[in-house]
């Protein structure tokens, strides 16, 4: 495993832990943001191993999934598409109060739990062993 890959993995773990803390403190849009970031970094770890090159500087999870060469179950791909879209509005909210009301605790918990599922699935990739 490349040293850069290990860094992506560690950073992904750090970000999902941050998402957990944001969930505990009621900062729900940041739960979604950090979940996206954690998936992004884990995908970049796979891309690093798949291409032996620095992953592209993008936040587009679908693009990273394609570059990684991973064939993921459709339900997880659908979630990645959903969080990919949510990330833009949590990253650059045009109306903060509206975005906060769109991502209450129950929704943030759903994103967090599904992200844990995606991360666990991705970590099983043989390139990350």
C-alpha atoms as a PDB file:
ATOM      1  CA  UNK A   1       0.000   0.000   0.000  1.00  0.00           C
ATOM      2  CA  UNK A   2       1.258   3.472  -0.893  1.00  0.00           C
ATOM      3  CA  UNK A   3       1.963   5.895   1.963  1.00  0.00           C
ATOM      4  CA  UNK A   4      -0.469   8.330   0.348  1.00  0.00           C
ATOM      5  CA  UNK A   5      -3.174   5.675   0.488  1.00  0.00           C
ATOM      6  CA  UNK A   6      -2.647   5.206   4.213  1.00  0.00           C
ATOM      7  CA  UNK A   7      -3.011   8.976   4.640  1.00  0.00           C
ATOM      8  CA  UNK A   8      -6.332   8.961   2.713  1.00  0.00           C
ATOM      9  CA  UNK A   9      -7.576   6.112   4.930  1.00  0.00           C
ATOM     10  CA  UNK A  10      -6.576   7.870   8.142  1.00  0.00           C
ATOM     11  CA  UNK A  11      -8.132  11.108   6.968  1.00  0.00           C
ATOM     12  CA  UNK A  12     -11.375   9.342   6.060  1.00  0.00           C
ATOM     13  CA  UNK A  13     -11.505   7.805   9.549  1.00  0.00           C
ATOM     14  CA  UNK A  14     -10.881  11.219  11.108  1.00  0.00           C
ATOM     15  CA  UNK A  15     -13.684  12.778   9.052  1.00  0.00           C
ATOM     16  CA  UNK A  16     -16.288  10.144   9.930  1.00  0.00           C
ATOM     17  CA  UNK A  17     -15.421  10.598  13.598  1.00  0.00           C
ATOM     18  CA  UNK A  18     -15.948  14.342  13.114  1.00  0.00           C
ATOM     19  CA  UNK A  19     -19.344  13.582  11.519  1.00  0.00           C
ATOM     20  CA  UNK A  20     -20.215  11.547  14.612  1.00  0.00           C
ATOM     21  CA  UNK A  21     -19.300  14.476  16.874  1.00  0.00           C
ATOM     22  CA  UNK A  22     -21.358  16.852  14.729  1.00  0.00           C
ATOM     23  CA  UNK A  23     -24.322  14.474  15.073  1.00  0.00           C
ATOM     24  CA  UNK A  24     -23.921  14.454  18.855  1.00  0.00           C
ATOM     25  CA  UNK A  25     -23.802  18.250  19.023  1.00  0.00           C
ATOM     26  CA  UNK A  26     -26.683  18.961  16.641  1.00  0.00           C
ATOM     27  CA  UNK A  27     -24.676  20.404  13.764  1.00  0.00           C
ATOM     28  CA  UNK A  28     -26.581  18.342  11.222  1.00  0.00           C
ATOM     29  CA  UNK A  29     -25.593  19.921   7.925  1.00  0.00           C
ATOM     30  CA  UNK A  30     -21.981  19.297   8.901  1.00  0.00           C
ATOM     31  CA  UNK A  31     -22.816  15.635   9.487  1.00  0.00           C
ATOM     32  CA  UNK A  32     -23.764  15.368   5.820  1.00  0.00           C
ATOM     33  CA  UNK A  33     -20.741  17.408   4.745  1.00  0.00           C
ATOM     34  CA  UNK A  34     -18.291  15.292   6.757  1.00  0.00           C
ATOM     35  CA  UNK A  35     -19.914  12.040   5.632  1.00  0.00           C
ATOM     36  CA  UNK A  36     -19.391  13.115   2.028  1.00  0.00           C
ATOM     37  CA  UNK A  37     -15.790  14.040   2.779  1.00  0.00           C
ATOM     38  CA  UNK A  38     -15.127  10.699   4.461  1.00  0.00           C
ATOM     39  CA  UNK A  39     -16.471   8.752   1.464  1.00  0.00           C
ATOM     40  CA  UNK A  40     -14.522  11.017  -0.896  1.00  0.00           C
ATOM     41  CA  UNK A  41     -11.244  10.304   0.864  1.00  0.00           C
ATOM     42  CA  UNK A  42     -11.823   6.567   1.007  1.00  0.00           C
ATOM     43  CA  UNK A  43     -12.595   6.547  -2.706  1.00  0.00           C
ATOM     44  CA  UNK A  44      -9.407   8.530  -3.282  1.00  0.00           C
ATOM     45  CA  UNK A  45      -7.504   5.843  -1.360  1.00  0.00           C
ATOM     46  CA  UNK A  46      -8.815   3.233  -3.785  1.00  0.00           C
ATOM     47  CA  UNK A  47      -8.045   5.490  -6.764  1.00  0.00           C
ATOM     48  CA  UNK A  48      -4.496   5.962  -5.433  1.00  0.00           C
ATOM     49  CA  UNK A  49      -4.010   2.189  -5.315  1.00  0.00           C
ATOM     50  CA  UNK A  50      -5.797   1.586  -8.617  1.00  0.00           C
ATOM     51  CA  UNK A  51      -3.817   4.147 -10.628  1.00  0.00           C
ATOM     52  CA  UNK A  52      -0.612   4.572  -8.566  1.00  0.00           C
ATOM     53  CA  UNK A  53      -1.184   8.309  -9.080  1.00  0.00           C
ATOM     54  CA  UNK A  54      -2.451  11.138  -6.921  1.00  0.00           C
ATOM     55  CA  UNK A  55      -6.258  11.118  -7.186  1.00  0.00           C
ATOM     56  CA  UNK A  56      -7.909  13.949  -9.105  1.00  0.00           C
ATOM     57  CA  UNK A  57      -8.789  17.094  -7.155  1.00  0.00           C
ATOM     58  CA  UNK A  58     -12.540  16.685  -7.282  1.00  0.00           C
ATOM     59  CA  UNK A  59     -15.401  16.327  -4.834  1.00  0.00           C
ATOM     60  CA  UNK A  60     -17.515  14.353  -7.334  1.00  0.00           C
ATOM     61  CA  UNK A  61     -18.068  10.959  -5.732  1.00  0.00           C
ATOM     62  CA  UNK A  62     -19.576   9.424  -8.873  1.00  0.00           C
ATOM     63  CA  UNK A  63     -16.516  10.405 -10.883  1.00  0.00           C
ATOM     64  CA  UNK A  64     -14.214   8.987  -8.193  1.00  0.00           C
ATOM     65  CA  UNK A  65     -16.245   5.789  -8.065  1.00  0.00           C
ATOM     66  CA  UNK A  66     -15.802   5.390 -11.821  1.00  0.00           C
ATOM     67  CA  UNK A  67     -12.043   6.079 -11.681  1.00  0.00           C
ATOM     68  CA  UNK A  68     -11.645   3.636  -8.791  1.00  0.00           C
ATOM     69  CA  UNK A  69     -12.883   0.722 -10.865  1.00  0.00           C
ATOM     70  CA  UNK A  70     -15.138  -0.402  -8.008  1.00  0.00           C
ATOM     71  CA  UNK A  71     -18.373  -2.204  -8.808  1.00  0.00           C
ATOM     72  CA  UNK A  72     -20.574  -1.419  -5.858  1.00  0.00           C
ATOM     73  CA  UNK A  73     -24.101  -2.689  -5.090  1.00  0.00           C
ATOM     74  CA  UNK A  74     -26.730  -0.435  -6.681  1.00  0.00           C
ATOM     75  CA  UNK A  75     -28.228   0.634  -3.341  1.00  0.00           C
ATOM     76  CA  UNK A  76     -24.870   2.021  -2.238  1.00  0.00           C
ATOM     77  CA  UNK A  77     -24.328   3.697  -5.608  1.00  0.00           C
ATOM     78  CA  UNK A  78     -27.750   5.335  -5.258  1.00  0.00           C
ATOM     79  CA  UNK A  79     -26.787   6.660  -1.823  1.00  0.00           C
ATOM     80  CA  UNK A  80     -23.475   7.973  -3.168  1.00  0.00           C
ATOM     81  CA  UNK A  81     -25.435   9.858  -5.822  1.00  0.00           C
ATOM     82  CA  UNK A  82     -27.738  11.268  -3.156  1.00  0.00           C
ATOM     83  CA  UNK A  83     -24.955  12.425  -0.816  1.00  0.00           C
ATOM     84  CA  UNK A  84     -23.022  13.743  -3.810  1.00  0.00           C
ATOM     85  CA  UNK A  85     -25.930  16.096  -4.576  1.00  0.00           C
ATOM     86  CA  UNK A  86     -26.472  17.012  -0.912  1.00  0.00           C
ATOM     87  CA  UNK A  87     -22.843  17.967  -0.505  1.00  0.00           C
ATOM     88  CA  UNK A  88     -23.090  20.948  -2.823  1.00  0.00           C
ATOM     89  CA  UNK A  89     -25.897  22.583  -0.824  1.00  0.00           C
ATOM     90  CA  UNK A  90     -24.244  21.837   2.525  1.00  0.00           C
ATOM     91  CA  UNK A  91     -20.913  23.138   1.269  1.00  0.00           C
ATOM     92  CA  UNK A  92     -22.328  26.359  -0.219  1.00  0.00           C
ATOM     93  CA  UNK A  93     -25.737  27.053   1.355  1.00  0.00           C
ATOM     94  CA  UNK A  94     -27.602  29.890  -0.346  1.00  0.00           C
ATOM     95  CA  UNK A  95     -30.150  30.016   2.492  1.00  0.00           C
ATOM     96  CA  UNK A  96     -28.715  28.694   5.749  1.00  0.00           C
ATOM     97  CA  UNK A  97     -32.028  28.461   7.632  1.00  0.00           C
ATOM     98  CA  UNK A  98     -33.625  26.536   4.757  1.00  0.00           C
ATOM     99  CA  UNK A  99     -30.735  24.087   4.516  1.00  0.00           C
ATOM    100  CA  UNK A 100     -30.745  23.555   8.286  1.00  0.00           C
ATOM    101  CA  UNK A 101     -34.462  22.706   8.181  1.00  0.00           C
ATOM    102  CA  UNK A 102     -33.870  20.338   5.223  1.00  0.00           C
ATOM    103  CA  UNK A 103     -31.390  18.252   7.247  1.00  0.00           C
ATOM    104  CA  UNK A 104     -32.889  17.656  10.701  1.00  0.00           C
ATOM    105  CA  UNK A 105     -31.526  15.090  13.142  1.00  0.00           C
ATOM    106  CA  UNK A 106     -33.407  12.125  11.645  1.00  0.00           C
ATOM    107  CA  UNK A 107     -32.080  12.828   8.142  1.00  0.00           C
ATOM    108  CA  UNK A 108     -28.546  13.418   9.414  1.00  0.00           C
ATOM    109  CA  UNK A 109     -28.674  10.078  11.256  1.00  0.00           C
ATOM    110  CA  UNK A 110     -29.779   8.337   8.062  1.00  0.00           C
ATOM    111  CA  UNK A 111     -26.900   9.865   6.122  1.00  0.00           C
ATOM    112  CA  UNK A 112     -24.460   8.962   8.878  1.00  0.00           C
ATOM    113  CA  UNK A 113     -25.597   5.334   9.142  1.00  0.00           C
ATOM    114  CA  UNK A 114     -25.633   4.812   5.382  1.00  0.00           C
ATOM    115  CA  UNK A 115     -22.170   6.385   5.153  1.00  0.00           C
ATOM    116  CA  UNK A 116     -20.902   3.885   7.718  1.00  0.00           C
ATOM    117  CA  UNK A 117     -22.273   1.126   5.501  1.00  0.00           C
ATOM    118  CA  UNK A 118     -20.524   2.559   2.413  1.00  0.00           C
ATOM    119  CA  UNK A 119     -17.226   2.975   4.278  1.00  0.00           C
ATOM    120  CA  UNK A 120     -17.356  -0.571   5.620  1.00  0.00           C
ATOM    121  CA  UNK A 121     -18.060  -1.900   2.129  1.00  0.00           C
ATOM    122  CA  UNK A 122     -15.238   0.138   0.556  1.00  0.00           C
ATOM    123  CA  UNK A 123     -12.724  -0.936   3.204  1.00  0.00           C
ATOM    124  CA  UNK A 124     -13.198  -4.536   2.055  1.00  0.00           C
ATOM    125  CA  UNK A 125     -11.590  -3.704  -1.296  1.00  0.00           C
ATOM    126  CA  UNK A 126      -8.546  -5.925  -1.723  1.00  0.00           C
ATOM    127  CA  UNK A 127      -6.440  -2.966  -2.848  1.00  0.00           C
ATOM    128  CA  UNK A 128      -6.732  -1.503   0.635  1.00  0.00           C
ATOM    129  CA  UNK A 129      -5.369  -4.591   2.407  1.00  0.00           C
END
